[in-house]
Amino acid sequence: MNVTVVGSGNGGLATAFDFAQHGHAVRLFDTPHFPDHVAEVAAAGGIHATGELEGFAEIAYAGHDIETALDAADLVVLVGPAYSTEHQSEVVAPRLVPGQAVLVCPASCAGAITFRRTAGLALDDETITVGETSTLPYAVRIVAPGRVNVFHKLSAGVYVAGLPRSGTDRLLSMIQGVYPGAEAADSVFQTTLQN
């Protein structure tokens, strides 16, 4: 599967590393406001991790060109704090094509609703599958540009909700190889309130 991770902070690097370690072709994007980690990942050709996740994971692309980052993406994962979701959505939404899936990780105060509103997608529009997770599945810190220490990866307690709910099963099927303990939430209200 082709996965694009948007956000190069603690969670973004851990997410990109984990999906790549599970055999997915991963592209990492961030805006030019955050150049250090993207530049180091591009120079190294991947991400180094220590702790509960260890090793080196090759990243197919790391940079600031959103068209390149989204090219042929099956799943787009927006990773960041609540205040980043709207901006990430503004950058990503105009370039999505029908059939792609977007997962806001974590929900961070109605992330899927924020994405849909920012993208101009009606709540029942299923051309793009949109959803969110209840939490970031990692306790992680960047220890140097392009390097993370993953203290813990959750094996349970990660809930996923599609918006509309009909997208939940598709999103779960896309991520369960990386997050085998992920479960379907009742709705985005559960994922947002649990966050």
N, C-alpha and C. Protein backbone atom coordinates (compact mmCIF):
# COMPACT_ATOMS: atom_id res chain seq x y z
N MET A 1 0.85 -1.18 0.00
CA MET A 1 0.00 0.00 0.00
C MET A 1 0.89 1.24 0.00
N ASN A 2 0.47 2.26 -0.70
CA ASN A 2 1.18 3.54 -0.72
C ASN A 2 0.59 4.44 0.36
N VAL A 3 1.44 4.88 1.28
CA VAL A 3 1.01 5.67 2.42
C VAL A 3 1.75 6.99 2.42
N THR A 4 1.00 8.08 2.58
CA THR A 4 1.60 9.39 2.75
C THR A 4 1.36 9.84 4.18
N VAL A 5 2.42 10.20 4.88
CA VAL A 5 2.32 10.74 6.23
C VAL A 5 2.56 12.24 6.15
N VAL A 6 1.60 13.01 6.66
CA VAL A 6 1.70 14.46 6.66
C VAL A 6 2.00 14.89 8.08
N GLY A 7 3.18 15.46 8.29
CA GLY A 7 3.64 15.87 9.61
C GLY A 7 4.92 15.14 9.96
N SER A 8 5.95 15.90 10.33
CA SER A 8 7.26 15.30 10.61
C SER A 8 7.70 15.49 12.05
N GLY A 9 6.72 15.61 12.94
CA GLY A 9 7.04 15.70 14.36
C GLY A 9 7.22 14.31 14.95
N ASN A 10 7.15 14.22 16.27
CA ASN A 10 7.33 12.94 16.97
C ASN A 10 6.43 11.85 16.39
N GLY A 11 5.13 12.11 16.38
CA GLY A 11 4.17 11.13 15.91
C GLY A 11 4.28 10.83 14.43
N GLY A 12 4.54 11.86 13.63
CA GLY A 12 4.67 11.67 12.19
C GLY A 12 5.83 10.77 11.82
N LEU A 13 6.97 11.00 12.46
CA LEU A 13 8.13 10.15 12.17
C LEU A 13 7.90 8.71 12.64
N ALA A 14 7.28 8.54 13.81
CA ALA A 14 7.00 7.18 14.29
C ALA A 14 6.01 6.47 13.36
N THR A 15 5.00 7.18 12.92
CA THR A 15 4.00 6.60 12.01
C THR A 15 4.65 6.20 10.69
N ALA A 16 5.45 7.10 10.12
CA ALA A 16 6.13 6.79 8.85
C ALA A 16 7.05 5.59 9.02
N PHE A 17 7.81 5.57 10.10
CA PHE A 17 8.71 4.44 10.37
C PHE A 17 7.93 3.13 10.45
N ASP A 18 6.87 3.12 11.23
CA ASP A 18 6.11 1.90 11.48
C ASP A 18 5.47 1.35 10.20
N PHE A 19 4.82 2.22 9.42
CA PHE A 19 4.22 1.75 8.17
C PHE A 19 5.30 1.23 7.22
N ALA A 20 6.44 1.91 7.15
CA ALA A 20 7.52 1.46 6.27
C ALA A 20 8.08 0.11 6.75
N GLN A 21 8.23 -0.05 8.06
CA GLN A 21 8.73 -1.32 8.61
C GLN A 21 7.77 -2.48 8.32
N HIS A 22 6.51 -2.15 8.11
CA HIS A 22 5.51 -3.17 7.78
C HIS A 22 5.37 -3.37 6.28
N GLY A 23 6.31 -2.85 5.51
CA GLY A 23 6.35 -3.13 4.08
C GLY A 23 5.62 -2.19 3.17
N HIS A 24 5.11 -1.09 3.70
CA HIS A 24 4.39 -0.13 2.87
C HIS A 24 5.36 0.88 2.26
N ALA A 25 5.02 1.38 1.09
CA ALA A 25 5.80 2.45 0.46
C ALA A 25 5.33 3.76 1.08
N VAL A 26 6.21 4.42 1.81
CA VAL A 26 5.83 5.60 2.59
C VAL A 26 6.49 6.85 2.04
N ARG A 27 5.68 7.90 1.95
CA ARG A 27 6.17 9.23 1.59
C ARG A 27 5.85 10.15 2.76
N LEU A 28 6.82 10.99 3.11
CA LEU A 28 6.69 11.90 4.25
C LEU A 28 6.66 13.33 3.74
N PHE A 29 5.64 14.08 4.16
CA PHE A 29 5.51 15.48 3.76
C PHE A 29 5.39 16.36 4.99
N ASP A 30 5.99 17.53 4.90
CA ASP A 30 5.71 18.60 5.85
C ASP A 30 5.91 19.92 5.13
N THR A 31 5.35 20.97 5.69
CA THR A 31 5.49 22.28 5.07
C THR A 31 6.91 22.78 5.26
N PRO A 32 7.34 23.76 4.46
CA PRO A 32 8.69 24.30 4.60
C PRO A 32 8.97 24.94 5.97
N HIS A 33 7.92 25.16 6.76
CA HIS A 33 8.11 25.71 8.11
C HIS A 33 8.82 24.72 9.03
N PHE A 34 8.84 23.45 8.64
CA PHE A 34 9.46 22.40 9.45
C PHE A 34 10.47 21.64 8.60
N PRO A 35 11.61 22.25 8.32
CA PRO A 35 12.55 21.65 7.36
C PRO A 35 13.49 20.58 7.93
N ASP A 36 13.82 20.64 9.20
CA ASP A 36 14.92 19.82 9.73
C ASP A 36 14.71 18.32 9.59
N HIS A 37 13.58 17.83 10.05
CA HIS A 37 13.36 16.38 10.04
C HIS A 37 13.19 15.85 8.63
N VAL A 38 12.44 16.59 7.81
CA VAL A 38 12.23 16.16 6.43
C VAL A 38 13.56 16.12 5.69
N ALA A 39 14.39 17.13 5.87
CA ALA A 39 15.69 17.16 5.19
C ALA A 39 16.57 16.00 5.62
N GLU A 40 16.59 15.70 6.90
CA GLU A 40 17.42 14.59 7.38
C GLU A 40 16.91 13.24 6.88
N VAL A 41 15.59 13.06 6.88
CA VAL A 41 15.02 11.81 6.38
C VAL A 41 15.34 11.66 4.89
N ALA A 42 15.23 12.76 4.14
CA ALA A 42 15.55 12.71 2.70
C ALA A 42 17.02 12.37 2.49
N ALA A 43 17.90 13.00 3.27
CA ALA A 43 19.35 12.76 3.11
C ALA A 43 19.72 11.33 3.48
N ALA A 44 19.11 10.80 4.53
CA ALA A 44 19.43 9.45 5.00
C ALA A 44 18.68 8.37 4.21
N GLY A 45 17.61 8.78 3.54
CA GLY A 45 16.79 7.81 2.82
C GLY A 45 15.81 7.07 3.70
N GLY A 46 15.68 7.54 4.95
CA GLY A 46 14.76 6.88 5.85
C GLY A 46 14.85 7.40 7.27
N ILE A 47 14.24 6.66 8.18
CA ILE A 47 14.13 7.06 9.58
C ILE A 47 14.77 5.98 10.46
N HIS A 48 15.52 6.43 11.46
CA HIS A 48 16.11 5.53 12.45
C HIS A 48 15.23 5.54 13.70
N ALA A 49 15.02 4.37 14.29
CA ALA A 49 14.24 4.28 15.52
C ALA A 49 14.96 3.40 16.53
N THR A 50 14.79 3.77 17.79
CA THR A 50 15.27 2.97 18.91
C THR A 50 14.11 2.79 19.88
N GLY A 51 14.26 1.86 20.81
CA GLY A 51 13.22 1.62 21.80
C GLY A 51 12.38 0.44 21.41
N GLU A 52 11.08 0.56 21.62
CA GLU A 52 10.17 -0.55 21.33
C GLU A 52 10.14 -0.87 19.83
N LEU A 53 10.32 0.13 19.00
CA LEU A 53 10.51 -0.07 17.56
C LEU A 53 11.97 0.24 17.28
N GLU A 54 12.65 -0.64 16.56
CA GLU A 54 14.08 -0.43 16.33
C GLU A 54 14.45 -0.66 14.88
N GLY A 55 15.49 0.05 14.47
CA GLY A 55 16.05 -0.19 13.15
C GLY A 55 16.01 1.03 12.26
N PHE A 56 16.09 0.74 10.97
CA PHE A 56 16.06 1.78 9.95
C PHE A 56 14.96 1.43 8.96
N ALA A 57 14.11 2.39 8.66
CA ALA A 57 13.03 2.17 7.70
C ALA A 57 13.22 3.11 6.52
N GLU A 58 13.28 2.53 5.33
CA GLU A 58 13.41 3.34 4.12
C GLU A 58 12.12 4.10 3.85
N ILE A 59 12.28 5.36 3.50
CA ILE A 59 11.15 6.22 3.16
C ILE A 59 11.31 6.59 1.69
N ALA A 60 10.27 6.35 0.89
CA ALA A 60 10.35 6.54 -0.56
C ALA A 60 10.55 7.99 -0.95
N TYR A 61 9.98 8.91 -0.16
CA TYR A 61 10.11 10.35 -0.45
C TYR A 61 9.94 11.09 0.86
N ALA A 62 10.75 12.12 1.04
CA ALA A 62 10.59 13.04 2.17
C ALA A 62 10.84 14.44 1.64
N GLY A 63 9.85 15.30 1.74
CA GLY A 63 10.03 16.64 1.21
C GLY A 63 8.82 17.53 1.41
N HIS A 64 8.85 18.65 0.68
CA HIS A 64 7.84 19.69 0.82
C HIS A 64 6.94 19.82 -0.40
N ASP A 65 7.03 18.90 -1.35
CA ASP A 65 6.20 18.95 -2.55
C ASP A 65 4.99 18.03 -2.34
N ILE A 66 3.84 18.64 -2.11
CA ILE A 66 2.66 17.85 -1.78
C ILE A 66 2.19 16.99 -2.94
N GLU A 67 2.37 17.45 -4.18
CA GLU A 67 1.96 16.62 -5.32
C GLU A 67 2.77 15.32 -5.36
N THR A 68 4.07 15.43 -5.17
CA THR A 68 4.91 14.24 -5.15
C THR A 68 4.54 13.34 -3.97
N ALA A 69 4.30 13.94 -2.83
CA ALA A 69 3.97 13.16 -1.63
C ALA A 69 2.66 12.39 -1.78
N LEU A 70 1.69 12.98 -2.46
CA LEU A 70 0.38 12.35 -2.58
C LEU A 70 0.23 11.46 -3.80
N ASP A 71 1.20 11.47 -4.70
CA ASP A 71 1.10 10.72 -5.94
C ASP A 71 0.84 9.23 -5.65
N ALA A 72 -0.28 8.74 -6.14
CA ALA A 72 -0.68 7.33 -6.01
C ALA A 72 -0.89 6.87 -4.57
N ALA A 73 -1.10 7.79 -3.64
CA ALA A 73 -1.32 7.40 -2.24
C ALA A 73 -2.67 6.71 -2.09
N ASP A 74 -2.66 5.60 -1.38
CA ASP A 74 -3.90 4.93 -1.01
C ASP A 74 -4.44 5.50 0.30
N LEU A 75 -3.52 5.73 1.23
CA LEU A 75 -3.87 6.22 2.56
C LEU A 75 -3.01 7.44 2.87
N VAL A 76 -3.68 8.50 3.34
CA VAL A 76 -2.99 9.72 3.77
C VAL A 76 -3.25 9.86 5.27
N VAL A 77 -2.18 9.89 6.06
CA VAL A 77 -2.32 9.99 7.51
C VAL A 77 -1.83 11.37 7.95
N LEU A 78 -2.75 12.16 8.50
CA LEU A 78 -2.40 13.48 9.04
C LEU A 78 -2.05 13.29 10.50
N VAL A 79 -0.81 13.60 10.86
CA VAL A 79 -0.35 13.38 12.23
C VAL A 79 0.12 14.70 12.82
N GLY A 80 -0.50 15.08 13.93
CA GLY A 80 -0.09 16.32 14.58
C GLY A 80 -1.08 16.70 15.66
N PRO A 81 -0.78 17.76 16.40
CA PRO A 81 -1.69 18.25 17.42
C PRO A 81 -2.93 18.88 16.79
N ALA A 82 -3.95 19.11 17.61
CA ALA A 82 -5.23 19.62 17.11
C ALA A 82 -5.08 20.87 16.26
N TYR A 83 -4.20 21.78 16.66
CA TYR A 83 -4.09 23.03 15.91
C TYR A 83 -3.49 22.86 14.52
N SER A 84 -2.93 21.70 14.22
CA SER A 84 -2.33 21.48 12.89
C SER A 84 -3.32 20.88 11.89
N THR A 85 -4.41 20.31 12.36
CA THR A 85 -5.32 19.58 11.47
C THR A 85 -5.89 20.46 10.37
N GLU A 86 -6.33 21.65 10.71
CA GLU A 86 -6.93 22.52 9.69
C GLU A 86 -5.91 22.90 8.62
N HIS A 87 -4.71 23.27 9.04
CA HIS A 87 -3.68 23.65 8.06
C HIS A 87 -3.28 22.45 7.20
N GLN A 88 -3.07 21.30 7.81
CA GLN A 88 -2.73 20.10 7.03
C GLN A 88 -3.84 19.79 6.03
N SER A 89 -5.09 19.95 6.45
CA SER A 89 -6.23 19.70 5.57
C SER A 89 -6.24 20.66 4.39
N GLU A 90 -5.94 21.92 4.64
CA GLU A 90 -5.90 22.92 3.56
C GLU A 90 -4.87 22.56 2.51
N VAL A 91 -3.75 22.02 2.94
CA VAL A 91 -2.67 21.65 2.01
C VAL A 91 -3.03 20.39 1.23
N VAL A 92 -3.60 19.42 1.90
CA VAL A 92 -3.85 18.11 1.31
C VAL A 92 -5.13 18.06 0.47
N ALA A 93 -6.22 18.59 0.98
CA ALA A 93 -7.54 18.39 0.38
C ALA A 93 -7.65 18.71 -1.10
N PRO A 94 -7.12 19.83 -1.58
CA PRO A 94 -7.31 20.14 -3.00
C PRO A 94 -6.63 19.16 -3.95
N ARG A 95 -5.75 18.34 -3.45
CA ARG A 95 -4.97 17.45 -4.30
C ARG A 95 -5.39 15.99 -4.20
N LEU A 96 -6.40 15.70 -3.41
CA LEU A 96 -6.87 14.33 -3.28
C LEU A 96 -7.71 13.92 -4.48
N VAL A 97 -7.74 12.63 -4.74
CA VAL A 97 -8.55 12.10 -5.83
C VAL A 97 -9.51 11.05 -5.26
N PRO A 98 -10.65 10.86 -5.92
CA PRO A 98 -11.61 9.87 -5.43
C PRO A 98 -10.96 8.50 -5.22
N GLY A 99 -11.36 7.86 -4.13
CA GLY A 99 -10.83 6.55 -3.80
C GLY A 99 -9.75 6.57 -2.74
N GLN A 100 -9.14 7.74 -2.51
CA GLN A 100 -8.12 7.82 -1.47
C GLN A 100 -8.78 7.85 -0.10
N ALA A 101 -8.00 7.54 0.93
CA ALA A 101 -8.49 7.56 2.30
C ALA A 101 -7.61 8.49 3.12
N VAL A 102 -8.24 9.22 4.04
CA VAL A 102 -7.53 10.14 4.93
C VAL A 102 -7.84 9.75 6.36
N LEU A 103 -6.79 9.60 7.16
CA LEU A 103 -6.93 9.26 8.57
C LEU A 103 -6.25 10.34 9.41
N VAL A 104 -7.03 11.02 10.25
CA VAL A 104 -6.47 12.02 11.16
C VAL A 104 -6.07 11.29 12.43
N CYS A 105 -4.79 11.41 12.79
CA CYS A 105 -4.23 10.64 13.90
C CYS A 105 -3.41 11.56 14.81
N PRO A 106 -3.90 11.84 15.99
CA PRO A 106 -5.15 11.43 16.61
C PRO A 106 -6.29 12.37 16.25
N ALA A 107 -7.49 12.03 16.75
CA ALA A 107 -8.69 12.82 16.45
C ALA A 107 -8.51 14.28 16.83
N SER A 108 -7.88 14.52 17.95
CA SER A 108 -7.57 15.89 18.38
C SER A 108 -8.73 16.86 18.20
N CYS A 109 -9.81 16.61 18.89
CA CYS A 109 -10.95 17.53 18.87
C CYS A 109 -11.64 17.57 17.51
N ALA A 110 -12.22 16.47 17.13
CA ALA A 110 -13.03 16.37 15.91
C ALA A 110 -12.20 16.52 14.64
N GLY A 111 -11.11 15.78 14.55
CA GLY A 111 -10.22 15.87 13.40
C GLY A 111 -10.89 15.54 12.08
N ALA A 112 -11.71 14.48 12.03
CA ALA A 112 -12.37 14.10 10.78
C ALA A 112 -13.38 15.16 10.36
N ILE A 113 -14.09 15.72 11.31
CA ILE A 113 -15.05 16.79 11.01
C ILE A 113 -14.29 18.01 10.50
N THR A 114 -13.18 18.35 11.15
CA THR A 114 -12.36 19.48 10.71
C THR A 114 -11.86 19.25 9.29
N PHE A 115 -11.38 18.04 9.01
CA PHE A 115 -10.90 17.76 7.65
C PHE A 115 -12.02 17.94 6.64
N ARG A 116 -13.18 17.35 6.89
CA ARG A 116 -14.29 17.45 5.93
C ARG A 116 -14.71 18.90 5.73
N ARG A 117 -14.82 19.66 6.81
CA ARG A 117 -15.22 21.06 6.69
C ARG A 117 -14.21 21.83 5.87
N THR A 118 -12.94 21.67 6.18
CA THR A 118 -11.88 22.39 5.48
C THR A 118 -11.81 21.98 4.01
N ALA A 119 -12.03 20.70 3.74
CA ALA A 119 -11.97 20.19 2.37
C ALA A 119 -13.22 20.51 1.56
N GLY A 120 -14.26 20.98 2.23
CA GLY A 120 -15.51 21.25 1.54
C GLY A 120 -16.28 19.99 1.18
N LEU A 121 -16.05 18.92 1.92
CA LEU A 121 -16.74 17.65 1.68
C LEU A 121 -17.95 17.53 2.60
N ALA A 122 -19.09 17.23 2.04
CA ALA A 122 -20.28 16.99 2.86
C ALA A 122 -20.02 15.79 3.77
N LEU A 123 -20.71 15.75 4.89
CA LEU A 123 -20.49 14.67 5.85
C LEU A 123 -20.81 13.29 5.27
N ASP A 124 -21.70 13.24 4.29
CA ASP A 124 -22.06 11.94 3.70
C ASP A 124 -21.36 11.67 2.37
N ASP A 125 -20.42 12.51 1.97
CA ASP A 125 -19.67 12.32 0.73
C ASP A 125 -18.67 11.19 0.93
N GLU A 126 -18.80 10.12 0.14
CA GLU A 126 -17.93 8.96 0.30
C GLU A 126 -16.89 8.83 -0.80
N THR A 127 -16.67 9.90 -1.58
CA THR A 127 -15.66 9.82 -2.65
C THR A 127 -14.25 9.69 -2.07
N ILE A 128 -14.04 10.30 -0.92
CA ILE A 128 -12.80 10.18 -0.15
C ILE A 128 -13.19 9.58 1.19
N THR A 129 -12.56 8.50 1.60
CA THR A 129 -12.84 7.92 2.92
C THR A 129 -12.10 8.75 3.95
N VAL A 130 -12.83 9.25 4.95
CA VAL A 130 -12.23 10.12 5.98
C VAL A 130 -12.53 9.53 7.35
N GLY A 131 -11.54 9.55 8.23
CA GLY A 131 -11.74 9.06 9.58
C GLY A 131 -10.66 9.54 10.52
N GLU A 132 -10.70 9.01 11.74
CA GLU A 132 -9.76 9.46 12.77
C GLU A 132 -9.50 8.33 13.76
N THR A 133 -8.38 8.47 14.48
CA THR A 133 -8.07 7.55 15.57
C THR A 133 -8.30 8.26 16.89
N SER A 134 -8.53 7.48 17.92
CA SER A 134 -8.79 8.06 19.24
C SER A 134 -7.54 8.60 19.90
N THR A 135 -6.39 8.11 19.50
CA THR A 135 -5.14 8.53 20.13
C THR A 135 -3.97 8.26 19.21
N LEU A 136 -2.86 8.90 19.47
CA LEU A 136 -1.63 8.56 18.79
C LEU A 136 -1.16 7.23 19.38
N PRO A 137 -0.87 6.24 18.55
CA PRO A 137 -0.52 4.91 19.09
C PRO A 137 0.88 4.80 19.69
N TYR A 138 1.59 5.90 19.82
CA TYR A 138 2.98 5.84 20.28
C TYR A 138 3.23 6.81 21.43
N ALA A 139 4.12 6.41 22.33
CA ALA A 139 4.80 7.33 23.23
C ALA A 139 6.18 7.47 22.61
N VAL A 140 6.47 8.62 22.04
CA VAL A 140 7.66 8.77 21.19
C VAL A 140 8.25 10.16 21.33
N ARG A 141 9.55 10.24 21.16
CA ARG A 141 10.24 11.53 21.14
C ARG A 141 11.30 11.51 20.06
N ILE A 142 11.44 12.63 19.39
CA ILE A 142 12.54 12.80 18.44
C ILE A 142 13.80 13.02 19.27
N VAL A 143 14.86 12.26 18.97
CA VAL A 143 16.11 12.40 19.70
C VAL A 143 17.15 13.15 18.88
N ALA A 144 16.94 13.23 17.58
CA ALA A 144 17.79 13.99 16.65
C ALA A 144 17.00 14.06 15.34
N PRO A 145 17.32 14.98 14.45
CA PRO A 145 16.59 15.03 13.18
C PRO A 145 16.60 13.66 12.49
N GLY A 146 15.40 13.17 12.15
CA GLY A 146 15.28 11.89 11.47
C GLY A 146 15.44 10.67 12.35
N ARG A 147 15.47 10.87 13.68
CA ARG A 147 15.66 9.76 14.63
C ARG A 147 14.65 9.87 15.77
N VAL A 148 14.00 8.74 16.06
CA VAL A 148 13.02 8.73 17.14
C VAL A 148 13.32 7.62 18.13
N ASN A 149 12.91 7.85 19.37
CA ASN A 149 12.92 6.81 20.39
C ASN A 149 11.46 6.52 20.72
N VAL A 150 11.02 5.30 20.42
CA VAL A 150 9.64 4.90 20.68
C VAL A 150 9.64 4.17 22.02
N PHE A 151 9.14 4.86 23.04
CA PHE A 151 9.09 4.29 24.38
C PHE A 151 8.04 3.19 24.47
N HIS A 152 6.94 3.39 23.73
CA HIS A 152 5.84 2.42 23.80
C HIS A 152 4.96 2.56 22.57
N LYS A 153 4.50 1.43 22.07
CA LYS A 153 3.48 1.39 21.01
C LYS A 153 2.28 0.68 21.59
N LEU A 154 1.12 1.33 21.52
CA LEU A 154 -0.10 0.74 22.07
C LEU A 154 -0.46 -0.54 21.33
N SER A 155 -0.83 -1.55 22.09
CA SER A 155 -1.30 -2.80 21.49
C SER A 155 -2.82 -2.91 21.56
N ALA A 156 -3.44 -2.00 22.31
CA ALA A 156 -4.90 -1.96 22.43
C ALA A 156 -5.29 -0.53 22.78
N GLY A 157 -6.57 -0.25 22.71
CA GLY A 157 -7.06 1.07 23.09
C GLY A 157 -7.00 2.10 21.98
N VAL A 158 -6.72 1.67 20.76
CA VAL A 158 -6.74 2.58 19.62
C VAL A 158 -8.04 2.33 18.87
N TYR A 159 -8.92 3.33 18.90
CA TYR A 159 -10.21 3.22 18.22
C TYR A 159 -10.17 4.03 16.93
N VAL A 160 -10.89 3.52 15.93
CA VAL A 160 -10.93 4.16 14.62
C VAL A 160 -12.39 4.38 14.25
N ALA A 161 -12.68 5.57 13.74
CA ALA A 161 -14.04 5.87 13.27
C ALA A 161 -13.97 6.57 11.93
N GLY A 162 -14.78 6.10 11.01
CA GLY A 162 -14.94 6.79 9.73
C GLY A 162 -16.04 7.83 9.86
N LEU A 163 -15.98 8.82 8.98
CA LEU A 163 -17.03 9.83 8.92
C LEU A 163 -17.41 10.01 7.46
N PRO A 164 -18.53 9.42 7.01
CA PRO A 164 -19.52 8.70 7.80
C PRO A 164 -18.99 7.35 8.28
N ARG A 165 -19.75 6.75 9.18
CA ARG A 165 -19.32 5.51 9.81
C ARG A 165 -19.07 4.39 8.81
N SER A 166 -19.67 4.49 7.64
CA SER A 166 -19.49 3.46 6.61
C SER A 166 -18.03 3.31 6.19
N GLY A 167 -17.20 4.30 6.47
CA GLY A 167 -15.78 4.23 6.12
C GLY A 167 -14.92 3.53 7.16
N THR A 168 -15.48 3.21 8.31
CA THR A 168 -14.70 2.63 9.40
C THR A 168 -14.03 1.31 9.01
N ASP A 169 -14.78 0.40 8.41
CA ASP A 169 -14.21 -0.90 8.06
C ASP A 169 -13.06 -0.77 7.07
N ARG A 170 -13.21 0.12 6.09
CA ARG A 170 -12.13 0.31 5.12
C ARG A 170 -10.87 0.82 5.81
N LEU A 171 -11.02 1.81 6.68
CA LEU A 171 -9.86 2.36 7.38
C LEU A 171 -9.20 1.29 8.25
N LEU A 172 -10.01 0.53 8.98
CA LEU A 172 -9.45 -0.54 9.81
C LEU A 172 -8.67 -1.54 8.97
N SER A 173 -9.21 -1.91 7.83
CA SER A 173 -8.51 -2.88 6.99
C SER A 173 -7.18 -2.33 6.48
N MET A 174 -7.08 -1.02 6.34
CA MET A 174 -5.85 -0.41 5.84
C MET A 174 -4.77 -0.33 6.92
N ILE A 175 -5.17 -0.26 8.18
CA ILE A 175 -4.17 -0.04 9.24
C ILE A 175 -3.94 -1.23 10.16
N GLN A 176 -4.78 -2.26 10.10
CA GLN A 176 -4.66 -3.34 11.08
C GLN A 176 -3.38 -4.15 10.96
N GLY A 177 -2.72 -4.13 9.83
CA GLY A 177 -1.43 -4.79 9.74
C GLY A 177 -0.38 -4.10 10.59
N VAL A 178 -0.52 -2.79 10.76
CA VAL A 178 0.41 -2.00 11.57
C VAL A 178 -0.10 -1.89 13.01
N TYR A 179 -1.41 -1.77 13.16
CA TYR A 179 -2.04 -1.64 14.48
C TYR A 179 -3.05 -2.78 14.66
N PRO A 180 -2.57 -4.00 14.93
CA PRO A 180 -3.49 -5.14 15.00
C PRO A 180 -4.53 -5.04 16.12
N GLY A 181 -4.28 -4.24 17.12
CA GLY A 181 -5.24 -4.08 18.21
C GLY A 181 -6.25 -2.98 17.99
N ALA A 182 -6.19 -2.30 16.85
CA ALA A 182 -7.14 -1.22 16.57
C ALA A 182 -8.55 -1.80 16.47
N GLU A 183 -9.51 -1.02 16.96
CA GLU A 183 -10.90 -1.46 16.99
C GLU A 183 -11.80 -0.38 16.41
N ALA A 184 -12.96 -0.80 15.92
CA ALA A 184 -13.95 0.14 15.41
C ALA A 184 -14.59 0.88 16.58
N ALA A 185 -14.67 2.19 16.45
CA ALA A 185 -15.39 3.00 17.43
C ALA A 185 -16.85 3.09 17.01
N ASP A 186 -17.70 3.48 17.93
CA ASP A 186 -19.12 3.65 17.60
C ASP A 186 -19.31 4.82 16.64
N SER A 187 -18.53 5.87 16.81
CA SER A 187 -18.64 7.05 15.96
C SER A 187 -17.45 7.97 16.23
N VAL A 188 -17.37 9.05 15.47
CA VAL A 188 -16.30 10.03 15.71
C VAL A 188 -16.47 10.72 17.06
N PHE A 189 -17.65 10.66 17.62
CA PHE A 189 -17.82 11.24 18.95
C PHE A 189 -17.02 10.43 19.98
N GLN A 190 -17.00 9.12 19.83
CA GLN A 190 -16.20 8.29 20.73
C GLN A 190 -14.72 8.57 20.57
N THR A 191 -14.23 8.62 19.33
CA THR A 191 -12.79 8.84 19.12
C THR A 191 -12.38 10.22 19.61
N THR A 192 -13.20 11.22 19.37
CA THR A 192 -12.86 12.57 19.80
C THR A 192 -12.93 12.72 21.31
N LEU A 193 -13.97 12.20 21.93
CA LEU A 193 -14.10 12.35 23.38
C LEU A 193 -13.11 11.49 24.14
N GLN A 194 -12.71 10.37 23.58
CA GLN A 194 -11.72 9.53 24.24
C GLN A 194 -10.34 10.16 24.17
N ASN A 195 -10.07 10.96 23.17
CA ASN A 195 -8.75 11.55 22.97
C ASN A 195 -8.38 12.35 24.14
